[in-house]
Amino acid sequence: MAKNKIKPMPKQRSLRGTVEFFETHDLGDYLDAMPEAYFTIDLKRRTHVIALDEDLADKVTAIARAQHVPSQTLINAWLREKVLEQARA
C-alpha cells in the first residue's frame, strides 16, 4: 500500500483566500499540514434549563413576540424584577 503524501498548503494572503480555497478543497487532505492550535476556554456564564407549563410557555411566547423580544429575554427580565422585589422586602 502506497504511503499518502501530504499535500502542501498553498500560501494565502487573507482569511478570505483561505475560505475560498477550502470551499473547493477537502480539509481532510490537509490535516497533517495544519499547525496545532492551543487555546483556553474560560466559561463565565452558565445556562440553566427550566421546564415551563405548556400553557404558560405559549402565553409568554405570545407576549414576547408582541414586544419583539426573545422569550428568554422577557423571562429573564421578569425574574430579575421579582428577585429584586424579594431582596428589598
N, C-alpha and C. Protein backbone atom coordinates (compact mmCIF):
# COMPACT_ATOMS: atom_id res chain seq x y z
N MET A 1 0.83 -1.17 0.00
CA MET A 1 0.00 0.00 0.00
C MET A 1 0.88 1.23 0.00
N ALA A 2 0.64 2.15 -0.90
CA ALA A 2 1.46 3.35 -1.03
C ALA A 2 1.16 4.31 0.11
N LYS A 3 2.21 4.97 0.57
CA LYS A 3 2.07 5.95 1.64
C LYS A 3 1.47 7.23 1.05
N ASN A 4 0.47 7.78 1.75
CA ASN A 4 -0.16 9.02 1.29
C ASN A 4 0.81 10.17 1.45
N LYS A 5 0.91 10.98 0.43
CA LYS A 5 1.76 12.17 0.51
C LYS A 5 0.94 13.31 1.09
N ILE A 6 1.58 14.11 1.92
CA ILE A 6 0.92 15.29 2.46
C ILE A 6 0.92 16.36 1.39
N LYS A 7 -0.27 16.85 1.09
CA LYS A 7 -0.36 17.91 0.09
C LYS A 7 0.10 19.21 0.74
N PRO A 8 0.94 19.96 0.06
CA PRO A 8 1.37 21.23 0.64
C PRO A 8 0.21 22.24 0.64
N MET A 9 0.13 22.98 1.73
CA MET A 9 -0.90 24.01 1.83
C MET A 9 -0.46 25.21 0.99
N PRO A 10 -1.34 25.72 0.16
CA PRO A 10 -0.98 26.92 -0.60
C PRO A 10 -0.94 28.11 0.35
N LYS A 11 -0.04 29.03 0.09
CA LYS A 11 0.07 30.24 0.91
C LYS A 11 -1.09 31.17 0.56
N GLN A 12 -1.81 31.58 1.57
CA GLN A 12 -2.91 32.51 1.38
C GLN A 12 -2.54 33.84 2.02
N ARG A 13 -2.95 34.90 1.40
CA ARG A 13 -2.64 36.23 1.93
C ARG A 13 -3.76 36.78 2.81
N SER A 14 -4.91 36.11 2.78
CA SER A 14 -6.02 36.62 3.57
C SER A 14 -6.88 35.47 4.06
N LEU A 15 -7.66 35.75 5.06
CA LEU A 15 -8.61 34.77 5.57
C LEU A 15 -9.61 34.41 4.47
N ARG A 16 -10.04 35.41 3.72
CA ARG A 16 -10.99 35.18 2.63
C ARG A 16 -10.42 34.20 1.61
N GLY A 17 -9.13 34.35 1.29
CA GLY A 17 -8.48 33.44 0.34
C GLY A 17 -8.47 32.01 0.86
N THR A 18 -8.24 31.85 2.17
CA THR A 18 -8.25 30.52 2.78
C THR A 18 -9.65 29.93 2.71
N VAL A 19 -10.64 30.73 3.04
CA VAL A 19 -12.03 30.27 2.98
C VAL A 19 -12.38 29.83 1.56
N GLU A 20 -12.04 30.64 0.58
CA GLU A 20 -12.34 30.31 -0.82
C GLU A 20 -11.64 29.02 -1.24
N PHE A 21 -10.40 28.84 -0.78
CA PHE A 21 -9.67 27.62 -1.12
C PHE A 21 -10.39 26.39 -0.59
N PHE A 22 -10.79 26.43 0.70
CA PHE A 22 -11.42 25.25 1.29
C PHE A 22 -12.88 25.07 0.90
N GLU A 23 -13.45 26.03 0.20
CA GLU A 23 -14.77 25.81 -0.37
C GLU A 23 -14.71 24.83 -1.53
N THR A 24 -13.54 24.69 -2.13
CA THR A 24 -13.39 23.79 -3.28
C THR A 24 -12.40 22.65 -3.03
N HIS A 25 -11.85 22.57 -1.81
CA HIS A 25 -10.89 21.51 -1.48
C HIS A 25 -11.30 20.85 -0.17
N ASP A 26 -10.92 19.59 0.01
CA ASP A 26 -11.25 18.83 1.21
C ASP A 26 -10.22 19.12 2.30
N LEU A 27 -10.69 19.65 3.43
CA LEU A 27 -9.81 19.96 4.55
C LEU A 27 -9.07 18.71 5.04
N GLY A 28 -9.74 17.56 4.94
CA GLY A 28 -9.13 16.30 5.37
C GLY A 28 -7.83 15.99 4.65
N ASP A 29 -7.67 16.46 3.43
CA ASP A 29 -6.44 16.22 2.68
C ASP A 29 -5.27 17.02 3.23
N TYR A 30 -5.55 18.01 4.07
CA TYR A 30 -4.50 18.92 4.55
C TYR A 30 -4.33 18.90 6.06
N LEU A 31 -5.03 17.99 6.76
CA LEU A 31 -4.98 17.99 8.22
C LEU A 31 -3.57 17.82 8.78
N ASP A 32 -2.78 16.94 8.16
CA ASP A 32 -1.41 16.72 8.67
C ASP A 32 -0.53 17.94 8.46
N ALA A 33 -0.89 18.82 7.55
CA ALA A 33 -0.08 20.01 7.29
C ALA A 33 -0.52 21.19 8.17
N MET A 34 -1.63 21.03 8.88
CA MET A 34 -2.14 22.12 9.71
C MET A 34 -1.32 22.25 10.99
N PRO A 35 -1.06 23.47 11.41
CA PRO A 35 -0.35 23.64 12.68
C PRO A 35 -1.29 23.33 13.85
N GLU A 36 -0.72 22.89 14.96
CA GLU A 36 -1.54 22.65 16.15
C GLU A 36 -1.99 23.98 16.71
N ALA A 37 -3.17 23.99 17.24
CA ALA A 37 -3.71 25.21 17.84
C ALA A 37 -3.94 24.96 19.32
N TYR A 38 -3.53 25.90 20.14
CA TYR A 38 -3.73 25.81 21.57
C TYR A 38 -4.54 27.02 22.02
N PHE A 39 -5.53 26.76 22.84
CA PHE A 39 -6.33 27.86 23.37
C PHE A 39 -7.00 27.38 24.64
N THR A 40 -7.41 28.34 25.45
CA THR A 40 -8.13 28.02 26.67
C THR A 40 -9.54 28.60 26.57
N ILE A 41 -10.43 27.95 27.24
CA ILE A 41 -11.81 28.42 27.28
C ILE A 41 -12.15 28.68 28.73
N ASP A 42 -12.60 29.88 29.00
CA ASP A 42 -12.97 30.26 30.35
C ASP A 42 -14.45 30.63 30.34
N LEU A 43 -15.28 29.66 30.69
CA LEU A 43 -16.72 29.90 30.69
C LEU A 43 -17.10 30.65 31.96
N LYS A 44 -17.68 31.82 31.78
CA LYS A 44 -18.05 32.63 32.93
C LYS A 44 -19.56 32.61 33.17
N ARG A 45 -20.30 32.14 32.22
CA ARG A 45 -21.75 32.16 32.32
C ARG A 45 -22.29 30.76 32.13
N ARG A 46 -23.25 30.42 32.96
CA ARG A 46 -23.90 29.11 32.83
C ARG A 46 -25.35 29.32 32.43
N THR A 47 -25.86 28.39 31.68
CA THR A 47 -27.25 28.43 31.27
C THR A 47 -27.99 27.33 32.02
N HIS A 48 -29.15 27.67 32.53
CA HIS A 48 -29.97 26.69 33.24
C HIS A 48 -31.26 26.48 32.46
N VAL A 49 -31.62 25.25 32.29
CA VAL A 49 -32.84 24.91 31.57
C VAL A 49 -33.91 24.61 32.62
N ILE A 50 -35.02 25.33 32.50
CA ILE A 50 -36.12 25.17 33.46
C ILE A 50 -37.39 24.86 32.67
N ALA A 51 -38.11 23.85 33.12
CA ALA A 51 -39.35 23.45 32.44
C ALA A 51 -40.47 24.42 32.79
N LEU A 52 -41.25 24.78 31.77
CA LEU A 52 -42.43 25.62 31.96
C LEU A 52 -43.66 24.84 31.55
N ASP A 53 -44.76 25.11 32.23
CA ASP A 53 -46.04 24.56 31.82
C ASP A 53 -46.30 25.01 30.38
N GLU A 54 -46.83 24.13 29.55
CA GLU A 54 -47.01 24.44 28.13
C GLU A 54 -47.88 25.67 27.90
N ASP A 55 -48.97 25.78 28.66
CA ASP A 55 -49.87 26.92 28.52
C ASP A 55 -49.15 28.22 28.88
N LEU A 56 -48.40 28.18 29.97
CA LEU A 56 -47.64 29.36 30.39
C LEU A 56 -46.60 29.73 29.35
N ALA A 57 -45.89 28.74 28.82
CA ALA A 57 -44.87 29.00 27.79
C ALA A 57 -45.49 29.63 26.55
N ASP A 58 -46.66 29.16 26.16
CA ASP A 58 -47.34 29.73 24.99
C ASP A 58 -47.70 31.20 25.23
N LYS A 59 -48.19 31.51 26.43
CA LYS A 59 -48.56 32.88 26.75
C LYS A 59 -47.35 33.80 26.79
N VAL A 60 -46.27 33.32 27.40
CA VAL A 60 -45.03 34.11 27.46
C VAL A 60 -44.50 34.35 26.05
N THR A 61 -44.54 33.34 25.22
CA THR A 61 -44.08 33.47 23.84
C THR A 61 -44.89 34.51 23.08
N ALA A 62 -46.19 34.51 23.28
CA ALA A 62 -47.05 35.49 22.60
C ALA A 62 -46.73 36.91 23.07
N ILE A 63 -46.53 37.08 24.37
CA ILE A 63 -46.18 38.41 24.90
C ILE A 63 -44.82 38.85 24.37
N ALA A 64 -43.87 37.94 24.35
CA ALA A 64 -42.53 38.27 23.85
C ALA A 64 -42.58 38.68 22.38
N ARG A 65 -43.34 37.97 21.58
CA ARG A 65 -43.48 38.33 20.16
C ARG A 65 -44.07 39.72 20.01
N ALA A 66 -45.09 40.02 20.82
CA ALA A 66 -45.73 41.34 20.75
C ALA A 66 -44.75 42.45 21.12
N GLN A 67 -43.81 42.12 22.00
CA GLN A 67 -42.80 43.11 22.42
C GLN A 67 -41.54 43.05 21.56
N HIS A 68 -41.52 42.15 20.59
CA HIS A 68 -40.38 41.99 19.68
C HIS A 68 -39.08 41.66 20.41
N VAL A 69 -39.18 40.77 21.40
CA VAL A 69 -38.01 40.30 22.12
C VAL A 69 -38.07 38.77 22.21
N PRO A 70 -36.94 38.12 22.37
CA PRO A 70 -36.97 36.67 22.56
C PRO A 70 -37.62 36.33 23.91
N SER A 71 -38.27 35.18 23.98
CA SER A 71 -38.91 34.74 25.22
C SER A 71 -37.90 34.69 26.37
N GLN A 72 -36.71 34.21 26.08
CA GLN A 72 -35.68 34.11 27.12
C GLN A 72 -35.37 35.47 27.72
N THR A 73 -35.30 36.51 26.90
CA THR A 73 -35.01 37.86 27.37
C THR A 73 -36.14 38.35 28.27
N LEU A 74 -37.36 38.13 27.85
CA LEU A 74 -38.52 38.56 28.63
C LEU A 74 -38.57 37.84 29.98
N ILE A 75 -38.39 36.54 29.97
CA ILE A 75 -38.42 35.75 31.21
C ILE A 75 -37.32 36.20 32.15
N ASN A 76 -36.11 36.42 31.63
CA ASN A 76 -35.01 36.88 32.48
C ASN A 76 -35.31 38.24 33.10
N ALA A 77 -35.91 39.15 32.32
CA ALA A 77 -36.25 40.47 32.85
C ALA A 77 -37.30 40.35 33.96
N TRP A 78 -38.32 39.55 33.73
CA TRP A 78 -39.38 39.38 34.73
C TRP A 78 -38.82 38.75 36.01
N LEU A 79 -38.01 37.73 35.86
CA LEU A 79 -37.44 37.07 37.04
C LEU A 79 -36.51 38.01 37.80
N ARG A 80 -35.73 38.79 37.06
CA ARG A 80 -34.82 39.74 37.69
C ARG A 80 -35.62 40.75 38.53
N GLU A 81 -36.71 41.26 37.96
CA GLU A 81 -37.58 42.19 38.69
C GLU A 81 -38.11 41.56 39.97
N LYS A 82 -38.60 40.34 39.87
CA LYS A 82 -39.20 39.65 41.02
C LYS A 82 -38.15 39.38 42.09
N VAL A 83 -36.96 38.97 41.70
CA VAL A 83 -35.89 38.69 42.66
C VAL A 83 -35.49 39.98 43.38
N LEU A 84 -35.39 41.10 42.65
CA LEU A 84 -35.07 42.38 43.28
C LEU A 84 -36.15 42.80 44.26
N GLU A 85 -37.41 42.58 43.91
CA GLU A 85 -38.53 42.88 44.82
C GLU A 85 -38.37 42.09 46.12
N GLN A 86 -38.09 40.82 45.99
CA GLN A 86 -37.95 39.95 47.16
C GLN A 86 -36.74 40.34 48.00
N ALA A 87 -35.68 40.77 47.35
CA ALA A 87 -34.47 41.17 48.07
C ALA A 87 -34.71 42.43 48.88
N ARG A 88 -35.56 43.33 48.39
CA ARG A 88 -35.88 44.58 49.09
C ARG A 88 -36.84 44.35 50.26
N ALA A 89 -37.63 43.29 50.18
CA ALA A 89 -38.65 43.04 51.21
C ALA A 89 -38.05 42.47 52.50
